[in-house]
Structure formats: C-alpha cells, structure tokens
Amino acid sequence: MKAMKMTRSFTTAALAIAVTVGCQAPAENANAAGDTPAAVVNGTPISQQTVDLLRQGGQQQGQPRDPEAHLDQLVTLEVLAQKAREQGLDEKPQVRAELWQKQAATLANALIGDYIDAHPVTDKELRAEYDKRVADQAGGVEYKARHILVDDEDKAESLIDELDGGADFAELARAESTGPSGKKGGDLGWFGPERMVPAFSKAVQALEPGHYSESPVKTRFGWHVILLEDTRDKQPPSFDQLKQRIRVDLVNQKLDAYIRDLREAADVTIEQQPQDSGA
C-alpha cells in the first residue's frame, strides 16, 4: 500500500482534541479485530475506530468534519507518543500515574455501560417507584388565586374600595399591578402554600373561594390584594412528567448497589494514607 504523505499544519488546539480522545482509548493503538488500519506509524497501526472516536469528539466540540485532518492529528499524536516512550517518559511516576488513571477510567466507564445495558430499568419498576412517590406526596390542598401587587398600603386599600364598589378584579390587576402576573389579570394559576412566601400563603388559606382580602397583605415584594378563586386536593405530577427523572434515579441506585458489592468483595489494603498536598 502506498504511504500517504501528510502535509497539513497541526495546531495546538487540534492536538488537544486528539489527546482528549486518545485518553479515552486503550493505551496501545492496536487494531480491533477485523478493523483495517487507517495508518501505520513506524510499524504501529492506528485503527479506523480511533479515527472515528476523534471525529465524534470533534463534532461534539463543533469542529469541522474532515477525515483527513483527523487522521493527520492522530499520526502526529502517535509520532509524539513514540518519541516520548523512546525517551523513557512513560516510566516517569507522574506520567505512569496519569496513564493508569485514564486507562482505569476508560475501563470503568465501559463496565458501567455494559452493566446498564444488561440491567435496564423496566416499565414495572418505573411505575412502582412512581406510585410510591405519589403516595408519599398525597394530601394537602392547592389554591387557584389572583393578586394585585402595588408599592404602598394606601394604594392597595383604594383598590379594595374599588372592588367593594363592583370593579372587576382581573381588569384592576391588568391596569394597576406591578407584578409580572398583572398582564394576565393577576392570575397565579394553581399552587401549593409552600410555593409562596409565608404571609401570602397564610392570607390565601384564610380566604373562602370567591372572596378577596379585606385588607392589604404585606410581603417583601410589596402590598397585595388577593382573590381566591378555587381550591382542590393536591395534584401529583403525571407519570410522563416524572418518568425520566425516576429512570435516572433507579439507574443510579442500581449502579450504587453494584459498585458497593464489588467494593465489599474486593481485597483492599490501604498501605499509606493520602497526604494533604496543601494545594
């Protein structure tokens, strides 16, 4: 096979991308079974899988798709790595520690990926955990209310006088409220007491549906006139709303248990306690 001459410039940024991908690959650039080498550098093959890994990493960082450039980067990286080994740099304690850490991390990630694939969270597990969480959250009341927020107590009292005279609450809110809900007629939608500041929640809970506050309610935001429109039993989030969050939690629980079992089964002897470097 005719050797391909590389003539492209190799920037520091490009090298950084190649090094990042290389850290995730095995220490040796050996070919995967049946994988034709993309290049051979002083007898050492660079597999097509390694090139593809670099390409994927470049795409994630917004780099252009250029297969020749990716291969060029890896050839330069391999040339530098071979020179480093020739000079014995791979035997320096710091370098050996970094190589071990990167290889161990790659293998650990591969093991975790395989474990997750082999132990997927089932629909039955998702539904059972959802039902448990909903049961834990059962009880309580939600409120549907509107409010008008103003800067001073006198203004709030004048608005209450207008409401007593038959003014429409939503129209007053649109005209007078300084709060973000004013454009929507003061509509706050449904909420639980815990979502509001204590003084506001206490005032809402003291009202009957269809009634508004007889005196202004003060909070750190200003002075409120509140209209309670309706109440209902607390509504839990739907299964679809929680499903993805539950899936992540259950996967993490399974992984934690798996790793804990591996740690407990391992024969570990601490030969030297870690020292604080003072950094």
C-alpha atoms as a PDB file:
ATOM      1  CA  MET A   1       0.000   0.000   0.000  1.00  0.00           C
ATOM      2  CA  LYS A   2       1.350   3.419  -0.905  1.00  0.00           C
ATOM      3  CA  ALA A   3       2.132   5.559   2.116  1.00  0.00           C
ATOM      4  CA  MET A   4       0.089   8.744   2.429  1.00  0.00           C
ATOM      5  CA  LYS A   5       2.097  11.908   2.900  1.00  0.00           C
ATOM      6  CA  MET A   6       0.648  14.251   5.495  1.00  0.00           C
ATOM      7  CA  THR A   7       1.211  17.927   4.776  1.00  0.00           C
ATOM      8  CA  ARG A   8      -1.447  19.652   6.898  1.00  0.00           C
ATOM      9  CA  SER A   9      -0.466  22.031   9.683  1.00  0.00           C
ATOM     10  CA  PHE A  10      -1.047  20.613  13.155  1.00  0.00           C
ATOM     11  CA  THR A  11      -2.238  23.267  15.581  1.00  0.00           C
ATOM     12  CA  THR A  12      -2.055  23.103  19.370  1.00  0.00           C
ATOM     13  CA  ALA A  13      -5.872  23.177  19.567  1.00  0.00           C
ATOM     14  CA  ALA A  14      -6.134  20.228  17.199  1.00  0.00           C
ATOM     15  CA  LEU A  15      -3.565  18.313  19.219  1.00  0.00           C
ATOM     16  CA  ALA A  16      -5.611  18.991  22.354  1.00  0.00           C
ATOM     17  CA  ILE A  17      -8.656  17.371  20.726  1.00  0.00           C
ATOM     18  CA  ALA A  18      -6.607  14.373  19.680  1.00  0.00           C
ATOM     19  CA  VAL A  19      -5.127  13.989  23.152  1.00  0.00           C
ATOM     20  CA  THR A  20      -8.599  14.180  24.735  1.00  0.00           C
ATOM     21  CA  VAL A  21      -9.862  11.384  22.510  1.00  0.00           C
ATOM     22  CA  GLY A  22      -6.668   9.424  22.905  1.00  0.00           C
ATOM     23  CA  CYS A  23      -7.092   9.486  26.679  1.00  0.00           C
ATOM     24  CA  GLN A  24     -10.353   7.608  26.261  1.00  0.00           C
ATOM     25  CA  ALA A  25      -8.812   4.936  24.041  1.00  0.00           C
ATOM     26  CA  PRO A  26      -6.649   1.953  25.087  1.00  0.00           C
ATOM     27  CA  ALA A  27      -3.023   2.750  25.851  1.00  0.00           C
ATOM     28  CA  GLU A  28      -1.891   0.925  22.705  1.00  0.00           C
ATOM     29  CA  ASN A  29      -3.351   1.821  19.326  1.00  0.00           C
ATOM     30  CA  ALA A  30      -3.825  -1.807  18.333  1.00  0.00           C
ATOM     31  CA  ASN A  31      -6.459  -2.691  15.759  1.00  0.00           C
ATOM     32  CA  ALA A  32      -9.786  -4.054  16.757  1.00  0.00           C
ATOM     33  CA  ALA A  33     -10.489  -7.476  15.325  1.00  0.00           C
ATOM     34  CA  GLY A  34     -11.170  -7.123  11.615  1.00  0.00           C
ATOM     35  CA  ASP A  35     -10.511  -3.364  11.630  1.00  0.00           C
ATOM     36  CA  THR A  36      -8.229  -2.285   8.771  1.00  0.00           C
ATOM     37  CA  PRO A  37      -5.567   0.184   9.912  1.00  0.00           C
ATOM     38  CA  ALA A  38      -6.192   3.765   8.877  1.00  0.00           C
ATOM     39  CA  ALA A  39      -2.422   4.389   9.018  1.00  0.00           C
ATOM     40  CA  VAL A  40       0.764   2.735  10.287  1.00  0.00           C
ATOM     41  CA  VAL A  41       3.423   4.811  12.058  1.00  0.00           C
ATOM     42  CA  ASN A  42       6.822   3.133  12.443  1.00  0.00           C
ATOM     43  CA  GLY A  43       5.088  -0.238  12.470  1.00  0.00           C
ATOM     44  CA  THR A  44       2.338   0.793  14.923  1.00  0.00           C
ATOM     45  CA  PRO A  45      -1.182   0.775  13.418  1.00  0.00           C
ATOM     46  CA  ILE A  46      -3.781   3.480  14.019  1.00  0.00           C
ATOM     47  CA  SER A  47      -7.187   1.828  13.813  1.00  0.00           C
ATOM     48  CA  GLN A  48     -10.164   3.275  11.977  1.00  0.00           C
ATOM     49  CA  GLN A  49     -12.074   3.059  15.253  1.00  0.00           C
ATOM     50  CA  THR A  50      -9.589   5.507  16.783  1.00  0.00           C
ATOM     51  CA  VAL A  51     -10.099   7.904  13.865  1.00  0.00           C
ATOM     52  CA  ASP A  52     -13.871   7.620  14.271  1.00  0.00           C
ATOM     53  CA  LEU A  53     -13.553   8.337  18.003  1.00  0.00           C
ATOM     54  CA  LEU A  54     -11.605  11.506  17.264  1.00  0.00           C
ATOM     55  CA  ARG A  55     -14.172  12.549  14.660  1.00  0.00           C
ATOM     56  CA  GLN A  56     -17.021  12.098  17.154  1.00  0.00           C
ATOM     57  CA  GLY A  57     -15.151  14.130  19.780  1.00  0.00           C
ATOM     58  CA  GLY A  58     -14.500  16.888  17.254  1.00  0.00           C
ATOM     59  CA  GLN A  59     -18.149  17.056  16.251  1.00  0.00           C
ATOM     60  CA  GLN A  60     -19.188  17.411  19.906  1.00  0.00           C
ATOM     61  CA  GLN A  61     -16.846  20.404  20.161  1.00  0.00           C
ATOM     62  CA  GLY A  62     -18.133  21.957  16.931  1.00  0.00           C
ATOM     63  CA  GLN A  63     -15.063  21.034  14.857  1.00  0.00           C
ATOM     64  CA  PRO A  64     -15.438  20.621  11.070  1.00  0.00           C
ATOM     65  CA  ARG A  65     -15.836  17.129   9.659  1.00  0.00           C
ATOM     66  CA  ASP A  66     -12.539  16.457   7.898  1.00  0.00           C
ATOM     67  CA  PRO A  67     -11.452  12.784   7.943  1.00  0.00           C
ATOM     68  CA  GLU A  68      -8.001  13.562   6.531  1.00  0.00           C
ATOM     69  CA  ALA A  69      -7.386  16.183   9.205  1.00  0.00           C
ATOM     70  CA  HIS A  70      -8.476  13.769  11.943  1.00  0.00           C
ATOM     71  CA  LEU A  71      -6.094  11.104  10.682  1.00  0.00           C
ATOM     72  CA  ASP A  72      -3.326  13.699  10.378  1.00  0.00           C
ATOM     73  CA  GLN A  73      -3.839  14.648  14.023  1.00  0.00           C
ATOM     74  CA  LEU A  74      -3.600  11.049  15.154  1.00  0.00           C
ATOM     75  CA  VAL A  75      -0.451  10.413  13.120  1.00  0.00           C
ATOM     76  CA  THR A  76       1.233  13.392  14.768  1.00  0.00           C
ATOM     77  CA  LEU A  77      -0.009  12.250  18.185  1.00  0.00           C
ATOM     78  CA  GLU A  78       1.432   8.767  17.614  1.00  0.00           C
ATOM     79  CA  VAL A  79       4.769  10.213  16.447  1.00  0.00           C
ATOM     80  CA  LEU A  80       4.969  12.293  19.625  1.00  0.00           C
ATOM     81  CA  ALA A  81       3.921   9.369  21.828  1.00  0.00           C
ATOM     82  CA  GLN A  82       6.577   7.105  20.281  1.00  0.00           C
ATOM     83  CA  LYS A  83       9.238   9.752  20.855  1.00  0.00           C
ATOM     84  CA  ALA A  84       8.106  10.107  24.477  1.00  0.00           C
ATOM     85  CA  ARG A  85       8.454   6.344  25.008  1.00  0.00           C
ATOM     86  CA  GLU A  86      11.842   6.368  23.298  1.00  0.00           C
ATOM     87  CA  GLN A  87      12.983   8.963  25.842  1.00  0.00           C
ATOM     88  CA  GLY A  88      11.559   6.910  28.703  1.00  0.00           C
ATOM     89  CA  LEU A  89       8.924   9.475  29.654  1.00  0.00           C
ATOM     90  CA  ASP A  90       6.318   6.747  30.044  1.00  0.00           C
ATOM     91  CA  GLU A  91       8.318   5.479  33.052  1.00  0.00           C
ATOM     92  CA  LYS A  92       8.168   8.773  34.959  1.00  0.00           C
ATOM     93  CA  PRO A  93       5.995   8.315  38.081  1.00  0.00           C
ATOM     94  CA  GLN A  94       3.693  11.232  37.231  1.00  0.00           C
ATOM     95  CA  VAL A  95       3.155  10.014  33.664  1.00  0.00           C
ATOM     96  CA  ARG A  96       2.608   6.410  34.774  1.00  0.00           C
ATOM     97  CA  ALA A  97       0.036   7.594  37.326  1.00  0.00           C
ATOM     98  CA  GLU A  98      -1.837   9.605  34.664  1.00  0.00           C
ATOM     99  CA  LEU A  99      -1.777   6.707  32.194  1.00  0.00           C
ATOM    100  CA  TRP A 100      -3.113   4.325  34.854  1.00  0.00           C
ATOM    101  CA  GLN A 101      -5.874   6.737  35.849  1.00  0.00           C
ATOM    102  CA  LYS A 102      -7.009   7.329  32.256  1.00  0.00           C
ATOM    103  CA  GLN A 103      -6.967   3.641  31.370  1.00  0.00           C
ATOM    104  CA  ALA A 104      -8.811   2.717  34.583  1.00  0.00           C
ATOM    105  CA  ALA A 105     -11.434   5.395  33.914  1.00  0.00           C
ATOM    106  CA  THR A 106     -11.986   4.121  30.374  1.00  0.00           C
ATOM    107  CA  LEU A 107     -12.410   0.542  31.592  1.00  0.00           C
ATOM    108  CA  ALA A 108     -14.688   1.618  34.452  1.00  0.00           C
ATOM    109  CA  ASN A 109     -16.912   3.573  32.052  1.00  0.00           C
ATOM    110  CA  ALA A 110     -17.077   0.566  29.736  1.00  0.00           C
ATOM    111  CA  LEU A 111     -18.055  -1.703  32.643  1.00  0.00           C
ATOM    112  CA  ILE A 112     -20.744   0.724  33.800  1.00  0.00           C
ATOM    113  CA  GLY A 113     -22.120   0.998  30.272  1.00  0.00           C
ATOM    114  CA  ASP A 114     -22.297  -2.781  29.938  1.00  0.00           C
ATOM    115  CA  TYR A 115     -23.961  -3.106  33.350  1.00  0.00           C
ATOM    116  CA  ILE A 116     -26.628  -0.531  32.484  1.00  0.00           C
ATOM    117  CA  ASP A 117     -27.328  -2.269  29.167  1.00  0.00           C
ATOM    118  CA  ALA A 118     -27.635  -5.634  30.934  1.00  0.00           C
ATOM    119  CA  HIS A 119     -29.826  -4.297  33.757  1.00  0.00           C
ATOM    120  CA  PRO A 120     -32.268  -1.833  32.209  1.00  0.00           C
ATOM    121  CA  VAL A 121     -34.950  -0.192  34.314  1.00  0.00           C
ATOM    122  CA  THR A 122     -38.248  -1.896  33.463  1.00  0.00           C
ATOM    123  CA  ASP A 123     -41.624  -0.241  32.988  1.00  0.00           C
ATOM    124  CA  LYS A 124     -42.824  -2.185  36.032  1.00  0.00           C
ATOM    125  CA  GLU A 125     -40.040  -0.683  38.172  1.00  0.00           C
ATOM    126  CA  LEU A 126     -40.783   2.810  36.850  1.00  0.00           C
ATOM    127  CA  ARG A 127     -44.476   2.516  37.625  1.00  0.00           C
ATOM    128  CA  ALA A 128     -43.869   1.081  41.103  1.00  0.00           C
ATOM    129  CA  GLU A 129     -41.491   3.898  42.015  1.00  0.00           C
ATOM    130  CA  TYR A 130     -43.916   6.485  40.612  1.00  0.00           C
ATOM    131  CA  ASP A 131     -46.781   5.069  42.680  1.00  0.00           C
ATOM    132  CA  LYS A 132     -44.583   5.154  45.800  1.00  0.00           C
ATOM    133  CA  ARG A 133     -43.619   8.784  45.249  1.00  0.00           C
ATOM    134  CA  VAL A 134     -47.202   9.818  44.561  1.00  0.00           C
ATOM    135  CA  ALA A 135     -48.350   8.087  47.748  1.00  0.00           C
ATOM    136  CA  ASP A 136     -45.634   9.887  49.722  1.00  0.00           C
ATOM    137  CA  GLN A 137     -46.848  13.220  48.345  1.00  0.00           C
ATOM    138  CA  ALA A 138     -50.542  12.540  48.912  1.00  0.00           C
ATOM    139  CA  GLY A 139     -52.606  15.002  50.911  1.00  0.00           C
ATOM    140  CA  GLY A 140     -52.717  18.738  51.055  1.00  0.00           C
ATOM    141  CA  VAL A 141     -54.607  21.459  49.217  1.00  0.00           C
ATOM    142  CA  GLU A 142     -53.789  23.580  46.194  1.00  0.00           C
ATOM    143  CA  TYR A 143     -55.146  27.050  45.579  1.00  0.00           C
ATOM    144  CA  LYS A 144     -56.087  28.978  42.433  1.00  0.00           C
ATOM    145  CA  ALA A 145     -55.752  32.702  43.008  1.00  0.00           C
ATOM    146  CA  ARG A 146     -55.193  36.122  41.510  1.00  0.00           C
ATOM    147  CA  HIS A 147     -53.445  39.072  43.085  1.00  0.00           C
ATOM    148  CA  ILE A 148     -52.747  42.745  42.554  1.00  0.00           C
ATOM    149  CA  LEU A 149     -49.312  43.927  43.695  1.00  0.00           C
ATOM    150  CA  VAL A 150     -48.636  47.601  44.426  1.00  0.00           C
ATOM    151  CA  ASP A 151     -45.913  49.589  46.164  1.00  0.00           C
ATOM    152  CA  ASP A 152     -47.801  51.104  49.095  1.00  0.00           C
ATOM    153  CA  GLU A 153     -50.590  50.250  51.511  1.00  0.00           C
ATOM    154  CA  ASP A 154     -52.789  53.262  50.676  1.00  0.00           C
ATOM    155  CA  LYS A 155     -52.903  52.251  47.021  1.00  0.00           C
ATOM    156  CA  ALA A 156     -53.831  48.678  47.970  1.00  0.00           C
ATOM    157  CA  GLU A 157     -56.636  49.930  50.213  1.00  0.00           C
ATOM    158  CA  SER A 158     -58.007  52.117  47.424  1.00  0.00           C
ATOM    159  CA  LEU A 159     -58.106  49.087  45.135  1.00  0.00           C
ATOM    160  CA  ILE A 160     -60.058  47.137  47.755  1.00  0.00           C
ATOM    161  CA  ASP A 161     -62.525  50.041  47.862  1.00  0.00           C
ATOM    162  CA  GLU A 162     -62.929  49.794  44.090  1.00  0.00           C
ATOM    163  CA  LEU A 163     -63.548  46.045  44.372  1.00  0.00           C
ATOM    164  CA  ASP A 164     -66.128  46.702  47.075  1.00  0.00           C
ATOM    165  CA  GLY A 165     -67.800  49.033  44.600  1.00  0.00           C
ATOM    166  CA  GLY A 166     -68.058  46.277  41.973  1.00  0.00           C
ATOM    167  CA  ALA A 167     -64.833  46.683  39.967  1.00  0.00           C
ATOM    168  CA  ASP A 168     -63.571  43.617  38.068  1.00  0.00           C
ATOM    169  CA  PHE A 169     -60.535  42.066  39.798  1.00  0.00           C
ATOM    170  CA  ALA A 170     -58.768  40.936  36.592  1.00  0.00           C
ATOM    171  CA  GLU A 171     -59.215  44.339  34.961  1.00  0.00           C
ATOM    172  CA  LEU A 172     -57.834  46.119  38.015  1.00  0.00           C
ATOM    173  CA  ALA A 173     -54.850  43.771  38.056  1.00  0.00           C
ATOM    174  CA  ARG A 174     -54.106  44.461  34.400  1.00  0.00           C
ATOM    175  CA  ALA A 175     -54.316  48.209  34.997  1.00  0.00           C
ATOM    176  CA  GLU A 176     -52.637  48.551  38.393  1.00  0.00           C
ATOM    177  CA  SER A 177     -50.497  45.539  39.345  1.00  0.00           C
ATOM    178  CA  THR A 178     -46.718  45.955  39.267  1.00  0.00           C
ATOM    179  CA  GLY A 179     -46.154  42.193  39.381  1.00  0.00           C
ATOM    180  CA  PRO A 180     -45.396  40.010  36.327  1.00  0.00           C
ATOM    181  CA  SER A 181     -48.824  38.361  36.567  1.00  0.00           C
ATOM    182  CA  GLY A 182     -50.549  41.730  36.061  1.00  0.00           C
ATOM    183  CA  LYS A 183     -50.660  41.256  32.292  1.00  0.00           C
ATOM    184  CA  LYS A 184     -52.651  38.077  32.894  1.00  0.00           C
ATOM    185  CA  GLY A 185     -55.153  39.764  35.175  1.00  0.00           C
ATOM    186  CA  GLY A 186     -53.131  38.750  38.233  1.00  0.00           C
ATOM    187  CA  ASP A 187     -53.647  35.045  37.536  1.00  0.00           C
ATOM    188  CA  LEU A 188     -51.255  32.858  39.559  1.00  0.00           C
ATOM    189  CA  GLY A 189     -52.682  29.520  38.464  1.00  0.00           C
ATOM    190  CA  TRP A 190     -52.691  26.552  40.844  1.00  0.00           C
ATOM    191  CA  PHE A 191     -50.094  26.431  43.599  1.00  0.00           C
ATOM    192  CA  GLY A 192     -49.348  24.840  46.948  1.00  0.00           C
ATOM    193  CA  PRO A 193     -48.801  27.014  50.032  1.00  0.00           C
ATOM    194  CA  GLU A 194     -45.124  26.096  50.123  1.00  0.00           C
ATOM    195  CA  ARG A 195     -44.538  27.882  46.822  1.00  0.00           C
ATOM    196  CA  MET A 196     -45.453  31.293  48.222  1.00  0.00           C
ATOM    197  CA  VAL A 197     -43.897  33.450  50.943  1.00  0.00           C
ATOM    198  CA  PRO A 198     -45.483  32.725  54.367  1.00  0.00           C
ATOM    199  CA  ALA A 199     -47.550  35.921  54.693  1.00  0.00           C
ATOM    200  CA  PHE A 200     -49.068  35.411  51.245  1.00  0.00           C
ATOM    201  CA  SER A 201     -49.826  31.722  51.866  1.00  0.00           C
ATOM    202  CA  LYS A 202     -51.417  32.453  55.241  1.00  0.00           C
ATOM    203  CA  ALA A 203     -53.687  35.093  53.681  1.00  0.00           C
ATOM    204  CA  VAL A 204     -54.752  32.750  50.847  1.00  0.00           C
ATOM    205  CA  GLN A 205     -55.548  29.919  53.252  1.00  0.00           C
ATOM    206  CA  ALA A 206     -57.744  32.249  55.328  1.00  0.00           C
ATOM    207  CA  LEU A 207     -59.958  33.132  52.340  1.00  0.00           C
ATOM    208  CA  GLU A 208     -63.069  31.390  51.062  1.00  0.00           C
ATOM    209  CA  PRO A 209     -63.301  30.687  47.307  1.00  0.00           C
ATOM    210  CA  GLY A 210     -64.746  33.696  45.502  1.00  0.00           C
ATOM    211  CA  HIS A 211     -63.589  36.166  48.167  1.00  0.00           C
ATOM    212  CA  TYR A 212     -60.733  38.692  48.164  1.00  0.00           C
ATOM    213  CA  SER A 213     -58.645  40.007  51.028  1.00  0.00           C
ATOM    214  CA  GLU A 214     -60.408  42.671  53.106  1.00  0.00           C
ATOM    215  CA  SER A 215     -57.126  44.383  53.977  1.00  0.00           C
ATOM    216  CA  PRO A 216     -53.776  44.599  52.135  1.00  0.00           C
ATOM    217  CA  VAL A 217     -51.261  41.779  52.637  1.00  0.00           C
ATOM    218  CA  LYS A 218     -47.633  42.844  53.078  1.00  0.00           C
ATOM    219  CA  THR A 219     -44.683  40.791  51.846  1.00  0.00           C
ATOM    220  CA  ARG A 220     -41.131  41.695  50.853  1.00  0.00           C
ATOM    221  CA  PHE A 221     -42.429  42.280  47.319  1.00  0.00           C
ATOM    222  CA  GLY A 222     -44.915  44.967  48.314  1.00  0.00           C
ATOM    223  CA  TRP A 223     -48.621  45.108  49.154  1.00  0.00           C
ATOM    224  CA  HIS A 224     -51.052  42.520  47.776  1.00  0.00           C
ATOM    225  CA  VAL A 225     -54.771  42.305  47.233  1.00  0.00           C
ATOM    226  CA  ILE A 226     -55.605  38.613  46.808  1.00  0.00           C
ATOM    227  CA  LEU A 227     -58.603  36.878  45.242  1.00  0.00           C
ATOM    228  CA  LEU A 228     -59.053  33.162  45.961  1.00  0.00           C
ATOM    229  CA  GLU A 229     -60.871  31.581  43.025  1.00  0.00           C
ATOM    230  CA  ASP A 230     -60.896  27.884  43.914  1.00  0.00           C
ATOM    231  CA  THR A 231     -59.274  25.046  45.893  1.00  0.00           C
ATOM    232  CA  ARG A 232     -58.646  21.380  45.154  1.00  0.00           C
ATOM    233  CA  ASP A 233     -56.834  18.365  46.550  1.00  0.00           C
ATOM    234  CA  LYS A 234     -53.134  18.463  45.694  1.00  0.00           C
ATOM    235  CA  GLN A 235     -52.476  17.044  42.219  1.00  0.00           C
ATOM    236  CA  PRO A 236     -49.301  14.944  41.842  1.00  0.00           C
ATOM    237  CA  PRO A 237     -47.145  15.258  38.699  1.00  0.00           C
ATOM    238  CA  SER A 238     -48.128  12.845  35.938  1.00  0.00           C
ATOM    239  CA  PHE A 239     -46.215   9.643  35.245  1.00  0.00           C
ATOM    240  CA  ASP A 240     -44.861  11.102  31.988  1.00  0.00           C
ATOM    241  CA  GLN A 241     -43.594  14.194  33.833  1.00  0.00           C
ATOM    242  CA  LEU A 242     -41.606  12.130  36.343  1.00  0.00           C
ATOM    243  CA  LYS A 243     -40.664   9.089  34.257  1.00  0.00           C
ATOM    244  CA  GLN A 244     -37.257  10.283  33.040  1.00  0.00           C
ATOM    245  CA  ARG A 245     -36.217  11.580  36.456  1.00  0.00           C
ATOM    246  CA  ILE A 246     -37.269   8.311  38.071  1.00  0.00           C
ATOM    247  CA  ARG A 247     -35.369   6.314  35.439  1.00  0.00           C
ATOM    248  CA  VAL A 248     -32.159   8.226  36.204  1.00  0.00           C
ATOM    249  CA  ASP A 249     -32.647   7.732  39.953  1.00  0.00           C
ATOM    250  CA  LEU A 250     -33.237   3.992  39.584  1.00  0.00           C
ATOM    251  CA  VAL A 251     -30.239   3.541  37.294  1.00  0.00           C
ATOM    252  CA  ASN A 252     -28.069   5.344  39.862  1.00  0.00           C
ATOM    253  CA  GLN A 253     -29.478   3.169  42.651  1.00  0.00           C
ATOM    254  CA  LYS A 254     -28.613   0.008  40.725  1.00  0.00           C
ATOM    255  CA  LEU A 255     -25.123   1.285  39.955  1.00  0.00           C
ATOM    256  CA  ASP A 256     -24.525   2.279  43.577  1.00  0.00           C
ATOM    257  CA  ALA A 257     -25.528  -1.199  44.748  1.00  0.00           C
ATOM    258  CA  TYR A 258     -23.371  -2.879  42.062  1.00  0.00           C
ATOM    259  CA  ILE A 259     -20.300  -0.792  42.912  1.00  0.00           C
ATOM    260  CA  ARG A 260     -20.858  -1.314  46.639  1.00  0.00           C
ATOM    261  CA  ASP A 261     -20.982  -5.081  46.134  1.00  0.00           C
ATOM    262  CA  LEU A 262     -17.765  -5.009  44.090  1.00  0.00           C
ATOM    263  CA  ARG A 263     -16.025  -2.938  46.759  1.00  0.00           C
ATOM    264  CA  GLU A 264     -17.176  -5.251  49.552  1.00  0.00           C
ATOM    265  CA  ALA A 265     -15.983  -8.325  47.620  1.00  0.00           C
ATOM    266  CA  ALA A 266     -12.572  -6.797  46.832  1.00  0.00           C
ATOM    267  CA  ASP A 267      -9.492  -7.478  48.943  1.00  0.00           C
ATOM    268  CA  VAL A 268      -8.327  -3.922  49.671  1.00  0.00           C
ATOM    269  CA  THR A 269      -5.371  -2.989  51.858  1.00  0.00           C
ATOM    270  CA  ILE A 270      -4.558   0.672  52.436  1.00  0.00           C
ATOM    271  CA  GLU A 271      -0.755   0.795  52.566  1.00  0.00           C
ATOM    272  CA  GLN A 272      -0.430   4.548  53.010  1.00  0.00           C
ATOM    273  CA  GLN A 273      -2.922   7.184  53.994  1.00  0.00           C
ATOM    274  CA  PRO A 274      -3.336  10.002  51.438  1.00  0.00           C
ATOM    275  CA  GLN A 275      -1.423  13.156  52.355  1.00  0.00           C
ATOM    276  CA  ASP A 276      -2.775  16.681  52.006  1.00  0.00           C
ATOM    277  CA  SER A 277      -0.650  18.407  49.377  1.00  0.00           C
ATOM    278  CA  GLY A 278      -1.605  21.805  50.775  1.00  0.00           C
ATOM    279  CA  ALA A 279      -2.790  22.961  47.323  1.00  0.00           C
END
